[in-house]
Amino acid sequence: LDICREGIRPEISESEAPKCYIDLMKRCWDSNLDNRPNATEVVKFIELFN
């Protein structure tokens, strides 16, 4: 839980994943709950990516 409280996130290289997915992951990790997409929004974003 300390990782969550301290905001530590893994590094992600754009060579590992498309930028749109990286941006979505970062939104999901936002420390402010109001900035995070809900599950329905995540599904919609992923459908748009494909």
PDB file of N, CA and C in Angstrom:
ATOM      1  N   LEU A   1       0.805  -1.198   0.000  1.00  0.00           N
ATOM      2  CA  LEU A   1       0.000   0.000   0.000  1.00  0.00           C
ATOM      3  C   LEU A   1       0.846   1.258   0.000  1.00  0.00           C
ATOM      4  N   ASP A   2       2.066   1.180   0.513  1.00  0.00           N
ATOM      5  CA  ASP A   2       2.930   2.355   0.495  1.00  0.00           C
ATOM      6  C   ASP A   2       3.188   2.817  -0.933  1.00  0.00           C
ATOM      7  N   ILE A   3       3.282   1.870  -1.851  1.00  0.00           N
ATOM      8  CA  ILE A   3       3.507   2.217  -3.254  1.00  0.00           C
ATOM      9  C   ILE A   3       2.369   3.099  -3.752  1.00  0.00           C
ATOM     10  N   CYS A   4       1.151   2.747  -3.410  1.00  0.00           N
ATOM     11  CA  CYS A   4      -0.012   3.532  -3.831  1.00  0.00           C
ATOM     12  C   CYS A   4       0.001   4.912  -3.195  1.00  0.00           C
ATOM     13  N   ARG A   5       0.277   4.970  -1.914  1.00  0.00           N
ATOM     14  CA  ARG A   5       0.265   6.253  -1.207  1.00  0.00           C
ATOM     15  C   ARG A   5       1.386   7.171  -1.663  1.00  0.00           C
ATOM     16  N   GLU A   6       2.520   6.608  -2.038  1.00  0.00           N
ATOM     17  CA  GLU A   6       3.665   7.417  -2.443  1.00  0.00           C
ATOM     18  C   GLU A   6       3.653   7.735  -3.931  1.00  0.00           C
ATOM     19  N   GLY A   7       2.716   7.191  -4.667  1.00  0.00           N
ATOM     20  CA  GLY A   7       2.595   7.502  -6.084  1.00  0.00           C
ATOM     21  C   GLY A   7       3.656   6.863  -6.960  1.00  0.00           C
ATOM     22  N   ILE A   8       4.276   5.801  -6.490  1.00  0.00           N
ATOM     23  CA  ILE A   8       5.305   5.125  -7.275  1.00  0.00           C
ATOM     24  C   ILE A   8       4.629   4.335  -8.390  1.00  0.00           C
ATOM     25  N   ARG A   9       5.087   4.532  -9.597  1.00  0.00           N
ATOM     26  CA  ARG A   9       4.525   3.842 -10.753  1.00  0.00           C
ATOM     27  C   ARG A   9       5.665   3.235 -11.572  1.00  0.00           C
ATOM     28  N   PRO A  10       5.417   2.122 -12.244  1.00  0.00           N
ATOM     29  CA  PRO A  10       6.468   1.542 -13.088  1.00  0.00           C
ATOM     30  C   PRO A  10       6.735   2.425 -14.297  1.00  0.00           C
ATOM     31  N   GLU A  11       7.964   2.382 -14.765  1.00  0.00           N
ATOM     32  CA  GLU A  11       8.299   3.103 -15.989  1.00  0.00           C
ATOM     33  C   GLU A  11       7.791   2.301 -17.173  1.00  0.00           C
ATOM     34  N   ILE A  12       7.298   2.996 -18.171  1.00  0.00           N
ATOM     35  CA  ILE A  12       6.791   2.334 -19.367  1.00  0.00           C
ATOM     36  C   ILE A  12       7.434   2.994 -20.577  1.00  0.00           C
ATOM     37  N   SER A  13       8.002   2.189 -21.415  1.00  0.00           N
ATOM     38  CA  SER A  13       8.623   2.682 -22.633  1.00  0.00           C
ATOM     39  C   SER A  13       7.611   2.663 -23.767  1.00  0.00           C
ATOM     40  N   GLU A  14       7.610   3.710 -24.588  1.00  0.00           N
ATOM     41  CA  GLU A  14       6.690   3.743 -25.724  1.00  0.00           C
ATOM     42  C   GLU A  14       6.985   2.635 -26.723  1.00  0.00           C
ATOM     43  N   SER A  15       8.169   2.037 -26.631  1.00  0.00           N
ATOM     44  CA  SER A  15       8.464   0.908 -27.514  1.00  0.00           C
ATOM     45  C   SER A  15       7.754  -0.357 -27.038  1.00  0.00           C
ATOM     46  N   GLU A  16       7.273  -0.339 -25.786  1.00  0.00           N
ATOM     47  CA  GLU A  16       6.585  -1.499 -25.218  1.00  0.00           C
ATOM     48  C   GLU A  16       5.090  -1.486 -25.489  1.00  0.00           C
ATOM     49  N   ALA A  17       4.526  -0.295 -25.679  1.00  0.00           N
ATOM     50  CA  ALA A  17       3.080  -0.184 -25.870  1.00  0.00           C
ATOM     51  C   ALA A  17       2.781   1.090 -26.649  1.00  0.00           C
ATOM     52  N   PRO A  18       1.688   1.098 -27.395  1.00  0.00           N
ATOM     53  CA  PRO A  18       1.301   2.326 -28.101  1.00  0.00           C
ATOM     54  C   PRO A  18       1.023   3.464 -27.110  1.00  0.00           C
ATOM     55  N   LYS A  19       1.297   4.684 -27.535  1.00  0.00           N
ATOM     56  CA  LYS A  19       1.126   5.856 -26.679  1.00  0.00           C
ATOM     57  C   LYS A  19      -0.289   5.962 -26.125  1.00  0.00           C
ATOM     58  N   CYS A  20      -1.298   5.617 -26.915  1.00  0.00           N
ATOM     59  CA  CYS A  20      -2.681   5.726 -26.439  1.00  0.00           C
ATOM     60  C   CYS A  20      -2.911   4.836 -25.214  1.00  0.00           C
ATOM     61  N   TYR A  21      -2.303   3.660 -25.183  1.00  0.00           N
ATOM     62  CA  TYR A  21      -2.450   2.768 -24.031  1.00  0.00           C
ATOM     63  C   TYR A  21      -1.661   3.294 -22.830  1.00  0.00           C
ATOM     64  N   ILE A  22      -0.498   3.838 -23.090  1.00  0.00           N
ATOM     65  CA  ILE A  22       0.305   4.412 -22.009  1.00  0.00           C
ATOM     66  C   ILE A  22      -0.438   5.580 -21.370  1.00  0.00           C
ATOM     67  N   ASP A  23      -1.023   6.434 -22.199  1.00  0.00           N
ATOM     68  CA  ASP A  23      -1.789   7.565 -21.674  1.00  0.00           C
ATOM     69  C   ASP A  23      -2.968   7.088 -20.834  1.00  0.00           C
ATOM     70  N   LEU A  24      -3.638   6.043 -21.289  1.00  0.00           N
ATOM     71  CA  LEU A  24      -4.768   5.496 -20.538  1.00  0.00           C
ATOM     72  C   LEU A  24      -4.297   4.928 -19.195  1.00  0.00           C
ATOM     73  N   MET A  25      -3.187   4.203 -19.204  1.00  0.00           N
ATOM     74  CA  MET A  25      -2.657   3.662 -17.946  1.00  0.00           C
ATOM     75  C   MET A  25      -2.347   4.782 -16.967  1.00  0.00           C
ATOM     76  N   LYS A  26      -1.735   5.855 -17.458  1.00  0.00           N
ATOM     77  CA  LYS A  26      -1.389   6.972 -16.584  1.00  0.00           C
ATOM     78  C   LYS A  26      -2.641   7.636 -16.024  1.00  0.00           C
ATOM     79  N   ARG A  27      -3.691   7.715 -16.826  1.00  0.00           N
ATOM     80  CA  ARG A  27      -4.957   8.261 -16.321  1.00  0.00           C
ATOM     81  C   ARG A  27      -5.522   7.364 -15.226  1.00  0.00           C
ATOM     82  N   CYS A  28      -5.410   6.056 -15.404  1.00  0.00           N
ATOM     83  CA  CYS A  28      -5.916   5.112 -14.397  1.00  0.00           C
ATOM     84  C   CYS A  28      -5.119   5.192 -13.100  1.00  0.00           C
ATOM     85  N   TRP A  29      -3.865   5.596 -13.185  1.00  0.00           N
ATOM     86  CA  TRP A  29      -2.998   5.696 -12.014  1.00  0.00           C
ATOM     87  C   TRP A  29      -3.076   7.054 -11.337  1.00  0.00           C
ATOM     88  N   ASP A  30      -3.850   7.980 -11.865  1.00  0.00           N
ATOM     89  CA  ASP A  30      -3.892   9.338 -11.329  1.00  0.00           C
ATOM     90  C   ASP A  30      -4.193   9.305  -9.830  1.00  0.00           C
ATOM     91  N   SER A  31      -3.468  10.101  -9.069  1.00  0.00           N
ATOM     92  CA  SER A  31      -3.684  10.122  -7.620  1.00  0.00           C
ATOM     93  C   SER A  31      -5.035  10.727  -7.247  1.00  0.00           C
ATOM     94  N   ASN A  32      -5.602  11.515  -8.150  1.00  0.00           N
ATOM     95  CA  ASN A  32      -6.920  12.111  -7.917  1.00  0.00           C
ATOM     96  C   ASN A  32      -7.987  11.202  -8.517  1.00  0.00           C
ATOM     97  N   LEU A  33      -8.811  10.632  -7.678  1.00  0.00           N
ATOM     98  CA  LEU A  33      -9.854   9.703  -8.118  1.00  0.00           C
ATOM     99  C   LEU A  33     -10.751  10.306  -9.198  1.00  0.00           C
ATOM    100  N   ASP A  34     -11.030  11.597  -9.105  1.00  0.00           N
ATOM    101  CA  ASP A  34     -11.913  12.254 -10.076  1.00  0.00           C
ATOM    102  C   ASP A  34     -11.325  12.276 -11.484  1.00  0.00           C
ATOM    103  N   ASN A  35     -10.005  12.147 -11.605  1.00  0.00           N
ATOM    104  CA  ASN A  35      -9.350  12.162 -12.915  1.00  0.00           C
ATOM    105  C   ASN A  35      -9.249  10.781 -13.551  1.00  0.00           C
ATOM    106  N   ARG A  36      -9.560   9.744 -12.780  1.00  0.00           N
ATOM    107  CA  ARG A  36      -9.445   8.376 -13.293  1.00  0.00           C
ATOM    108  C   ARG A  36     -10.704   7.975 -14.045  1.00  0.00           C
ATOM    109  N   PRO A  37     -10.543   7.289 -15.188  1.00  0.00           N
ATOM    110  CA  PRO A  37     -11.726   6.789 -15.892  1.00  0.00           C
ATOM    111  C   PRO A  37     -12.326   5.609 -15.141  1.00  0.00           C
ATOM    112  N   ASN A  38     -13.641   5.452 -15.257  1.00  0.00           N
ATOM    113  CA  ASN A  38     -14.271   4.269 -14.660  1.00  0.00           C
ATOM    114  C   ASN A  38     -14.147   3.108 -15.646  1.00  0.00           C
ATOM    115  N   ALA A  39     -14.589   1.936 -15.260  1.00  0.00           N
ATOM    116  CA  ALA A  39     -14.423   0.736 -16.092  1.00  0.00           C
ATOM    117  C   ALA A  39     -15.112   0.892 -17.445  1.00  0.00           C
ATOM    118  N   THR A  40     -16.289   1.494 -17.464  1.00  0.00           N
ATOM    119  CA  THR A  40     -17.015   1.693 -18.722  1.00  0.00           C
ATOM    120  C   THR A  40     -16.222   2.596 -19.657  1.00  0.00           C
ATOM    121  N   GLU A  41     -15.647   3.653 -19.113  1.00  0.00           N
ATOM    122  CA  GLU A  41     -14.843   4.566 -19.927  1.00  0.00           C
ATOM    123  C   GLU A  41     -13.597   3.869 -20.459  1.00  0.00           C
ATOM    124  N   VAL A  42     -12.969   3.046 -19.637  1.00  0.00           N
ATOM    125  CA  VAL A  42     -11.775   2.314 -20.081  1.00  0.00           C
ATOM    126  C   VAL A  42     -12.123   1.425 -21.268  1.00  0.00           C
ATOM    127  N   VAL A  43     -13.228   0.708 -21.175  1.00  0.00           N
ATOM    128  CA  VAL A  43     -13.656  -0.164 -22.280  1.00  0.00           C
ATOM    129  C   VAL A  43     -13.889   0.662 -23.538  1.00  0.00           C
ATOM    130  N   LYS A  44     -14.549   1.801 -23.412  1.00  0.00           N
ATOM    131  CA  LYS A  44     -14.815   2.656 -24.580  1.00  0.00           C
ATOM    132  C   LYS A  44     -13.518   3.142 -25.213  1.00  0.00           C
ATOM    133  N   PHE A  45     -12.554   3.557 -24.373  1.00  0.00           N
ATOM    134  CA  PHE A  45     -11.267   4.001 -24.898  1.00  0.00           C
ATOM    135  C   PHE A  45     -10.581   2.876 -25.663  1.00  0.00           C
ATOM    136  N   ILE A  46     -10.557   1.690 -25.088  1.00  0.00           N
ATOM    137  CA  ILE A  46      -9.887   0.559 -25.731  1.00  0.00           C
ATOM    138  C   ILE A  46     -10.567   0.207 -27.048  1.00  0.00           C
ATOM    139  N   GLU A  47     -11.890   0.259 -27.076  1.00  0.00           N
ATOM    140  CA  GLU A  47     -12.605  -0.006 -28.332  1.00  0.00           C
ATOM    141  C   GLU A  47     -12.248   1.024 -29.391  1.00  0.00           C
ATOM    142  N   LEU A  48     -12.048   2.270 -28.990  1.00  0.00           N
ATOM    143  CA  LEU A  48     -11.657   3.313 -29.941  1.00  0.00           C
ATOM    144  C   LEU A  48     -10.244   3.096 -30.469  1.00  0.00           C
ATOM    145  N   PHE A  49      -9.371   2.521 -29.642  1.00  0.00           N
ATOM    146  CA  PHE A  49      -7.988   2.296 -30.044  1.00  0.00           C
ATOM    147  C   PHE A  49      -7.882   1.236 -31.137  1.00  0.00           C
ATOM    148  N   ASN A  50      -8.810   0.304 -31.149  1.00  0.00           N
ATOM    149  CA  ASN A  50      -8.720  -0.815 -32.091  1.00  0.00           C
ATOM    150  C   ASN A  50      -9.459  -0.531 -33.320  1.00  0.00           C
TER     151      ASN A  50
END
